[in-house]
Structures are given as structure tokens and as C-alpha cells.
Amino acid sequence: MADKTIIALREAAEAYAEAVRTTQRFFDRLEDTTDPSALVEYATLVEREKEAAEARLDAIEAAGIETPSIDESDPDN
């Protein structure tokens, strides 16, 4: 059985992936980009993605996982 840290990482990653999939499904059915209700729904989806991304990063940090920067502007890279 995986320890609690691994389980938390998996759950956070799954929640983030689902938030992104939900936004993708929204775009699949979007027909009018000027519809105010669509704009409100999109804003809500963006906020959920942001929250899920933050939770995923928090879980990664709590697990002590670090990766080197892949930013090409980083002079140490």
C-alpha cells in the first residue's frame, strides 16, 4: 500500500487533471464566446483549475519532490 504522501500526490494530480478535462469539455460544447453565462462558467472553471494546480504543487512540495529548472533563460541551465 502506498504511503499517505503518495496517495495525496495521486489524488491532487487526478483532481488537477479532472479540472483541465472539465475545461476542455466546456470548449467542446462552447458555441458563443460572447454569451455572458459562458463567460461566467469559464471564469469558474479557470478558478477551479488554479486551485487544483496549487493543491497539486503543494502536495509535490510536501513530498519533497524537486526538479531543476528547464527555463532556457536560466544562466545555470
PDB file of N, CA and C in Angstrom:
ATOM      1  N   MET A   1       0.849  -1.189   0.000  1.00  0.00           N
ATOM      2  CA  MET A   1       0.000   0.000   0.000  1.00  0.00           C
ATOM      3  C   MET A   1       0.886   1.241   0.000  1.00  0.00           C
ATOM      4  N   ALA A   2       0.525   2.179  -0.804  1.00  0.00           N
ATOM      5  CA  ALA A   2       1.291   3.426  -0.888  1.00  0.00           C
ATOM      6  C   ALA A   2       1.099   4.242   0.391  1.00  0.00           C
ATOM      7  N   ASP A   3       2.139   4.981   0.752  1.00  0.00           N
ATOM      8  CA  ASP A   3       2.010   5.801   1.951  1.00  0.00           C
ATOM      9  C   ASP A   3       1.118   7.017   1.686  1.00  0.00           C
ATOM     10  N   LYS A   4       0.791   7.740   2.741  1.00  0.00           N
ATOM     11  CA  LYS A   4      -0.148   8.865   2.647  1.00  0.00           C
ATOM     12  C   LYS A   4       0.351   9.963   1.712  1.00  0.00           C
ATOM     13  N   THR A   5       1.651  10.171   1.670  1.00  0.00           N
ATOM     14  CA  THR A   5       2.205  11.203   0.803  1.00  0.00           C
ATOM     15  C   THR A   5       1.961  10.868  -0.661  1.00  0.00           C
ATOM     16  N   ILE A   6       2.206   9.622  -1.018  1.00  0.00           N
ATOM     17  CA  ILE A   6       1.995   9.181  -2.409  1.00  0.00           C
ATOM     18  C   ILE A   6       0.512   9.250  -2.759  1.00  0.00           C
ATOM     19  N   ILE A   7      -0.328   8.828  -1.837  1.00  0.00           N
ATOM     20  CA  ILE A   7      -1.773   8.880  -2.082  1.00  0.00           C
ATOM     21  C   ILE A   7      -2.214  10.324  -2.294  1.00  0.00           C
ATOM     22  N   ALA A   8      -1.716  11.237  -1.466  1.00  0.00           N
ATOM     23  CA  ALA A   8      -2.062  12.655  -1.611  1.00  0.00           C
ATOM     24  C   ALA A   8      -1.593  13.199  -2.959  1.00  0.00           C
ATOM     25  N   LEU A   9      -0.392  12.808  -3.387  1.00  0.00           N
ATOM     26  CA  LEU A   9       0.114  13.231  -4.701  1.00  0.00           C
ATOM     27  C   LEU A   9      -0.792  12.742  -5.824  1.00  0.00           C
ATOM     28  N   ARG A  10      -1.171  11.484  -5.752  1.00  0.00           N
ATOM     29  CA  ARG A  10      -2.033  10.898  -6.786  1.00  0.00           C
ATOM     30  C   ARG A  10      -3.388  11.604  -6.832  1.00  0.00           C
ATOM     31  N   GLU A  11      -3.958  11.824  -5.667  1.00  0.00           N
ATOM     32  CA  GLU A  11      -5.271  12.469  -5.608  1.00  0.00           C
ATOM     33  C   GLU A  11      -5.214  13.907  -6.114  1.00  0.00           C
ATOM     34  N   ALA A  12      -4.167  14.621  -5.752  1.00  0.00           N
ATOM     35  CA  ALA A  12      -4.029  16.005  -6.207  1.00  0.00           C
ATOM     36  C   ALA A  12      -3.817  16.056  -7.716  1.00  0.00           C
ATOM     37  N   ALA A  13      -3.023  15.136  -8.239  1.00  0.00           N
ATOM     38  CA  ALA A  13      -2.794  15.096  -9.685  1.00  0.00           C
ATOM     39  C   ALA A  13      -4.080  14.741 -10.426  1.00  0.00           C
ATOM     40  N   GLU A  14      -4.837  13.807  -9.884  1.00  0.00           N
ATOM     41  CA  GLU A  14      -6.108  13.419 -10.511  1.00  0.00           C
ATOM     42  C   GLU A  14      -7.099  14.579 -10.485  1.00  0.00           C
ATOM     43  N   ALA A  15      -7.176  15.298  -9.383  1.00  0.00           N
ATOM     44  CA  ALA A  15      -8.094  16.437  -9.288  1.00  0.00           C
ATOM     45  C   ALA A  15      -7.716  17.524 -10.289  1.00  0.00           C
ATOM     46  N   TYR A  16      -6.418  17.760 -10.439  1.00  0.00           N
ATOM     47  CA  TYR A  16      -5.965  18.757 -11.408  1.00  0.00           C
ATOM     48  C   TYR A  16      -6.302  18.301 -12.838  1.00  0.00           C
ATOM     49  N   ALA A  17      -6.025  17.049 -13.136  1.00  0.00           N
ATOM     50  CA  ALA A  17      -6.315  16.530 -14.475  1.00  0.00           C
ATOM     51  C   ALA A  17      -7.809  16.619 -14.775  1.00  0.00           C
ATOM     52  N   GLU A  18      -8.637  16.322 -13.796  1.00  0.00           N
ATOM     53  CA  GLU A  18     -10.083  16.404 -13.999  1.00  0.00           C
ATOM     54  C   GLU A  18     -10.527  17.847 -14.218  1.00  0.00           C
ATOM     55  N   ALA A  19      -9.930  18.782 -13.507  1.00  0.00           N
ATOM     56  CA  ALA A  19     -10.263  20.195 -13.702  1.00  0.00           C
ATOM     57  C   ALA A  19      -9.928  20.624 -15.126  1.00  0.00           C
ATOM     58  N   VAL A  20      -8.793  20.177 -15.629  1.00  0.00           N
ATOM     59  CA  VAL A  20      -8.400  20.514 -17.004  1.00  0.00           C
ATOM     60  C   VAL A  20      -9.350  19.839 -17.998  1.00  0.00           C
ATOM     61  N   ARG A  21      -9.702  18.581 -17.749  1.00  0.00           N
ATOM     62  CA  ARG A  21     -10.631  17.885 -18.650  1.00  0.00           C
ATOM     63  C   ARG A  21     -11.995  18.572 -18.666  1.00  0.00           C
ATOM     64  N   THR A  22     -12.435  19.059 -17.518  1.00  0.00           N
ATOM     65  CA  THR A  22     -13.715  19.757 -17.452  1.00  0.00           C
ATOM     66  C   THR A  22     -13.688  21.015 -18.306  1.00  0.00           C
ATOM     67  N   THR A  23     -12.589  21.746 -18.250  1.00  0.00           N
ATOM     68  CA  THR A  23     -12.450  22.942 -19.087  1.00  0.00           C
ATOM     69  C   THR A  23     -12.428  22.559 -20.562  1.00  0.00           C
ATOM     70  N   GLN A  24     -11.750  21.484 -20.882  1.00  0.00           N
ATOM     71  CA  GLN A  24     -11.699  21.019 -22.273  1.00  0.00           C
ATOM     72  C   GLN A  24     -13.099  20.661 -22.767  1.00  0.00           C
ATOM     73  N   ARG A  25     -13.889  19.985 -21.928  1.00  0.00           N
ATOM     74  CA  ARG A  25     -15.262  19.637 -22.316  1.00  0.00           C
ATOM     75  C   ARG A  25     -16.118  20.889 -22.496  1.00  0.00           C
ATOM     76  N   PHE A  26     -15.860  21.915 -21.693  1.00  0.00           N
ATOM     77  CA  PHE A  26     -16.555  23.187 -21.851  1.00  0.00           C
ATOM     78  C   PHE A  26     -16.294  23.743 -23.251  1.00  0.00           C
ATOM     79  N   PHE A  27     -15.041  23.740 -23.676  1.00  0.00           N
ATOM     80  CA  PHE A  27     -14.716  24.258 -25.003  1.00  0.00           C
ATOM     81  C   PHE A  27     -15.313  23.386 -26.112  1.00  0.00           C
ATOM     82  N   ASP A  28     -15.431  22.089 -25.859  1.00  0.00           N
ATOM     83  CA  ASP A  28     -16.049  21.200 -26.854  1.00  0.00           C
ATOM     84  C   ASP A  28     -17.494  21.601 -27.150  1.00  0.00           C
ATOM     85  N   ARG A  29     -18.194  22.083 -26.139  1.00  0.00           N
ATOM     86  CA  ARG A  29     -19.601  22.422 -26.333  1.00  0.00           C
ATOM     87  C   ARG A  29     -19.849  23.924 -26.497  1.00  0.00           C
ATOM     88  N   LEU A  30     -18.813  24.734 -26.375  1.00  0.00           N
ATOM     89  CA  LEU A  30     -18.964  26.183 -26.500  1.00  0.00           C
ATOM     90  C   LEU A  30     -19.349  26.568 -27.924  1.00  0.00           C
ATOM     91  N   GLU A  31     -20.405  27.362 -28.034  1.00  0.00           N
ATOM     92  CA  GLU A  31     -20.851  27.812 -29.349  1.00  0.00           C
ATOM     93  C   GLU A  31     -20.817  29.322 -29.497  1.00  0.00           C
ATOM     94  N   ASP A  32     -20.920  30.044 -28.377  1.00  0.00           N
ATOM     95  CA  ASP A  32     -20.986  31.504 -28.448  1.00  0.00           C
ATOM     96  C   ASP A  32     -20.036  32.092 -27.411  1.00  0.00           C
ATOM     97  N   THR A  33     -18.941  32.653 -27.883  1.00  0.00           N
ATOM     98  CA  THR A  33     -17.941  33.210 -26.959  1.00  0.00           C
ATOM     99  C   THR A  33     -18.365  34.532 -26.342  1.00  0.00           C
ATOM    100  N   THR A  34     -19.475  35.082 -26.804  1.00  0.00           N
ATOM    101  CA  THR A  34     -19.955  36.339 -26.233  1.00  0.00           C
ATOM    102  C   THR A  34     -21.097  36.130 -25.243  1.00  0.00           C
ATOM    103  N   ASP A  35     -21.546  34.906 -25.063  1.00  0.00           N
ATOM    104  CA  ASP A  35     -22.634  34.605 -24.129  1.00  0.00           C
ATOM    105  C   ASP A  35     -22.156  34.857 -22.695  1.00  0.00           C
ATOM    106  N   PRO A  36     -22.804  35.782 -21.976  1.00  0.00           N
ATOM    107  CA  PRO A  36     -22.363  36.096 -20.615  1.00  0.00           C
ATOM    108  C   PRO A  36     -22.336  34.886 -19.683  1.00  0.00           C
ATOM    109  N   SER A  37     -23.276  33.973 -19.837  1.00  0.00           N
ATOM    110  CA  SER A  37     -23.272  32.793 -18.965  1.00  0.00           C
ATOM    111  C   SER A  37     -22.077  31.893 -19.261  1.00  0.00           C
ATOM    112  N   ALA A  38     -21.654  31.848 -20.518  1.00  0.00           N
ATOM    113  CA  ALA A  38     -20.469  31.055 -20.874  1.00  0.00           C
ATOM    114  C   ALA A  38     -19.220  31.687 -20.270  1.00  0.00           C
ATOM    115  N   LEU A  39     -19.167  33.006 -20.271  1.00  0.00           N
ATOM    116  CA  LEU A  39     -18.014  33.696 -19.687  1.00  0.00           C
ATOM    117  C   LEU A  39     -17.935  33.468 -18.185  1.00  0.00           C
ATOM    118  N   VAL A  40     -19.081  33.458 -17.520  1.00  0.00           N
ATOM    119  CA  VAL A  40     -19.117  33.191 -16.085  1.00  0.00           C
ATOM    120  C   VAL A  40     -18.686  31.752 -15.812  1.00  0.00           C
ATOM    121  N   GLU A  41     -19.195  30.829 -16.614  1.00  0.00           N
ATOM    122  CA  GLU A  41     -18.810  29.422 -16.438  1.00  0.00           C
ATOM    123  C   GLU A  41     -17.309  29.246 -16.655  1.00  0.00           C
ATOM    124  N   TYR A  42     -16.777  29.884 -17.682  1.00  0.00           N
ATOM    125  CA  TYR A  42     -15.348  29.774 -17.951  1.00  0.00           C
ATOM    126  C   TYR A  42     -14.528  30.338 -16.793  1.00  0.00           C
ATOM    127  N   ALA A  43     -14.940  31.473 -16.265  1.00  0.00           N
ATOM    128  CA  ALA A  43     -14.223  32.064 -15.130  1.00  0.00           C
ATOM    129  C   ALA A  43     -14.209  31.106 -13.940  1.00  0.00           C
ATOM    130  N   THR A  44     -15.313  30.436 -13.714  1.00  0.00           N
ATOM    131  CA  THR A  44     -15.394  29.452 -12.627  1.00  0.00           C
ATOM    132  C   THR A  44     -14.444  28.285 -12.885  1.00  0.00           C
ATOM    133  N   LEU A  45     -14.417  27.812 -14.116  1.00  0.00           N
ATOM    134  CA  LEU A  45     -13.535  26.697 -14.466  1.00  0.00           C
ATOM    135  C   LEU A  45     -12.062  27.080 -14.314  1.00  0.00           C
ATOM    136  N   VAL A  46     -11.724  28.291 -14.712  1.00  0.00           N
ATOM    137  CA  VAL A  46     -10.340  28.762 -14.576  1.00  0.00           C
ATOM    138  C   VAL A  46      -9.938  28.792 -13.103  1.00  0.00           C
ATOM    139  N   GLU A  47     -10.826  29.254 -12.255  1.00  0.00           N
ATOM    140  CA  GLU A  47     -10.533  29.311 -10.821  1.00  0.00           C
ATOM    141  C   GLU A  47     -10.351  27.900 -10.254  1.00  0.00           C
ATOM    142  N   ARG A  48     -11.185  26.960 -10.676  1.00  0.00           N
ATOM    143  CA  ARG A  48     -11.033  25.564 -10.212  1.00  0.00           C
ATOM    144  C   ARG A  48      -9.703  24.973 -10.665  1.00  0.00           C
ATOM    145  N   GLU A  49      -9.323  25.249 -11.912  1.00  0.00           N
ATOM    146  CA  GLU A  49      -8.025  24.773 -12.395  1.00  0.00           C
ATOM    147  C   GLU A  49      -6.892  25.356 -11.561  1.00  0.00           C
ATOM    148  N   LYS A  50      -6.983  26.650 -11.275  1.00  0.00           N
ATOM    149  CA  LYS A  50      -5.948  27.313 -10.487  1.00  0.00           C
ATOM    150  C   LYS A  50      -5.841  26.689  -9.090  1.00  0.00           C
ATOM    151  N   GLU A  51      -6.978  26.484  -8.446  1.00  0.00           N
ATOM    152  CA  GLU A  51      -6.981  25.877  -7.113  1.00  0.00           C
ATOM    153  C   GLU A  51      -6.420  24.460  -7.142  1.00  0.00           C
ATOM    154  N   ALA A  52      -6.809  23.695  -8.158  1.00  0.00           N
ATOM    155  CA  ALA A  52      -6.318  22.322  -8.277  1.00  0.00           C
ATOM    156  C   ALA A  52      -4.815  22.296  -8.556  1.00  0.00           C
ATOM    157  N   ALA A  53      -4.340  23.231  -9.376  1.00  0.00           N
ATOM    158  CA  ALA A  53      -2.899  23.306  -9.667  1.00  0.00           C
ATOM    159  C   ALA A  53      -2.119  23.646  -8.404  1.00  0.00           C
ATOM    160  N   GLU A  54      -2.639  24.584  -7.618  1.00  0.00           N
ATOM    161  CA  GLU A  54      -1.974  24.951  -6.372  1.00  0.00           C
ATOM    162  C   GLU A  54      -1.941  23.776  -5.397  1.00  0.00           C
ATOM    163  N   ALA A  55      -3.042  23.045  -5.304  1.00  0.00           N
ATOM    164  CA  ALA A  55      -3.090  21.877  -4.411  1.00  0.00           C
ATOM    165  C   ALA A  55      -2.099  20.809  -4.873  1.00  0.00           C
ATOM    166  N   ARG A  56      -1.987  20.639  -6.178  1.00  0.00           N
ATOM    167  CA  ARG A  56      -1.039  19.654  -6.724  1.00  0.00           C
ATOM    168  C   ARG A  56       0.395  20.067  -6.401  1.00  0.00           C
ATOM    169  N   LEU A  57       0.705  21.335  -6.593  1.00  0.00           N
ATOM    170  CA  LEU A  57       2.053  21.817  -6.277  1.00  0.00           C
ATOM    171  C   LEU A  57       2.347  21.722  -4.783  1.00  0.00           C
ATOM    172  N   ASP A  58       1.344  21.999  -3.959  1.00  0.00           N
ATOM    173  CA  ASP A  58       1.518  21.849  -2.513  1.00  0.00           C
ATOM    174  C   ASP A  58       1.826  20.396  -2.148  1.00  0.00           C
ATOM    175  N   ALA A  59       1.127  19.455  -2.771  1.00  0.00           N
ATOM    176  CA  ALA A  59       1.359  18.036  -2.494  1.00  0.00           C
ATOM    177  C   ALA A  59       2.754  17.617  -2.948  1.00  0.00           C
ATOM    178  N   ILE A  60       3.185  18.133  -4.086  1.00  0.00           N
ATOM    179  CA  ILE A  60       4.528  17.830  -4.590  1.00  0.00           C
ATOM    180  C   ILE A  60       5.578  18.384  -3.634  1.00  0.00           C
ATOM    181  N   GLU A  61       5.374  19.613  -3.199  1.00  0.00           N
ATOM    182  CA  GLU A  61       6.308  20.235  -2.263  1.00  0.00           C
ATOM    183  C   GLU A  61       6.340  19.480  -0.933  1.00  0.00           C
ATOM    184  N   ALA A  62       5.172  19.088  -0.433  1.00  0.00           N
ATOM    185  CA  ALA A  62       5.095  18.351   0.830  1.00  0.00           C
ATOM    186  C   ALA A  62       5.820  17.013   0.737  1.00  0.00           C
ATOM    187  N   ALA A  63       5.856  16.447  -0.465  1.00  0.00           N
ATOM    188  CA  ALA A  63       6.544  15.174  -0.667  1.00  0.00           C
ATOM    189  C   ALA A  63       8.048  15.357  -0.836  1.00  0.00           C
ATOM    190  N   GLY A  64       8.472  16.609  -0.957  1.00  0.00           N
ATOM    191  CA  GLY A  64       9.899  16.878  -1.110  1.00  0.00           C
ATOM    192  C   GLY A  64      10.427  16.641  -2.505  1.00  0.00           C
ATOM    193  N   ILE A  65       9.549  16.642  -3.477  1.00  0.00           N
ATOM    194  CA  ILE A  65       9.966  16.419  -4.861  1.00  0.00           C
ATOM    195  C   ILE A  65      10.373  17.755  -5.470  1.00  0.00           C
ATOM    196  N   GLU A  66      11.568  17.795  -6.034  1.00  0.00           N
ATOM    197  CA  GLU A  66      12.077  18.999  -6.694  1.00  0.00           C
ATOM    198  C   GLU A  66      12.648  18.607  -8.047  1.00  0.00           C
ATOM    199  N   THR A  67      12.532  19.519  -8.985  1.00  0.00           N
ATOM    200  CA  THR A  67      13.143  19.304 -10.294  1.00  0.00           C
ATOM    201  C   THR A  67      13.954  20.535 -10.655  1.00  0.00           C
ATOM    202  N   PRO A  68      15.010  20.357 -11.402  1.00  0.00           N
ATOM    203  CA  PRO A  68      15.786  21.523 -11.838  1.00  0.00           C
ATOM    204  C   PRO A  68      14.975  22.346 -12.827  1.00  0.00           C
ATOM    205  N   SER A  69      15.316  23.605 -12.925  1.00  0.00           N
ATOM    206  CA  SER A  69      14.630  24.494 -13.845  1.00  0.00           C
ATOM    207  C   SER A  69      14.914  24.082 -15.283  1.00  0.00           C
ATOM    208  N   ILE A  70      13.882  24.185 -16.113  1.00  0.00           N
ATOM    209  CA  ILE A  70      14.077  23.946 -17.548  1.00  0.00           C
ATOM    210  C   ILE A  70      13.892  25.244 -18.320  1.00  0.00           C
ATOM    211  N   ASP A  71      13.846  26.343 -17.586  1.00  0.00           N
ATOM    212  CA  ASP A  71      13.705  27.672 -18.178  1.00  0.00           C
ATOM    213  C   ASP A  71      14.984  27.997 -18.942  1.00  0.00           C
ATOM    214  N   GLU A  72      14.874  28.202 -20.245  1.00  0.00           N
ATOM    215  CA  GLU A  72      16.045  28.447 -21.090  1.00  0.00           C
ATOM    216  C   GLU A  72      16.735  29.765 -20.763  1.00  0.00           C
ATOM    217  N   SER A  73      16.044  30.673 -20.084  1.00  0.00           N
ATOM    218  CA  SER A  73      16.658  31.941 -19.738  1.00  0.00           C
ATOM    219  C   SER A  73      17.513  31.809 -18.470  1.00  0.00           C
ATOM    220  N   ASP A  74      17.469  30.653 -17.826  1.00  0.00           N
ATOM    221  CA  ASP A  74      18.251  30.403 -16.604  1.00  0.00           C
ATOM    222  C   ASP A  74      19.711  30.208 -17.003  1.00  0.00           C
ATOM    223  N   PRO A  75      20.611  31.100 -16.556  1.00  0.00           N
ATOM    224  CA  PRO A  75      22.012  31.005 -16.956  1.00  0.00           C
ATOM    225  C   PRO A  75      22.703  29.753 -16.405  1.00  0.00           C
ATOM    226  N   ASP A  76      22.161  29.133 -15.371  1.00  0.00           N
ATOM    227  CA  ASP A  76      22.758  27.919 -14.812  1.00  0.00           C
ATOM    228  C   ASP A  76      22.317  26.667 -15.554  1.00  0.00           C
ATOM    229  N   ASN A  77      21.472  26.822 -16.519  1.00  0.00           N
ATOM    230  CA  ASN A  77      20.910  25.671 -17.234  1.00  0.00           C
ATOM    231  C   ASN A  77      21.638  25.400 -18.520  1.00  0.00           C
TER     232      ASN A  77
END
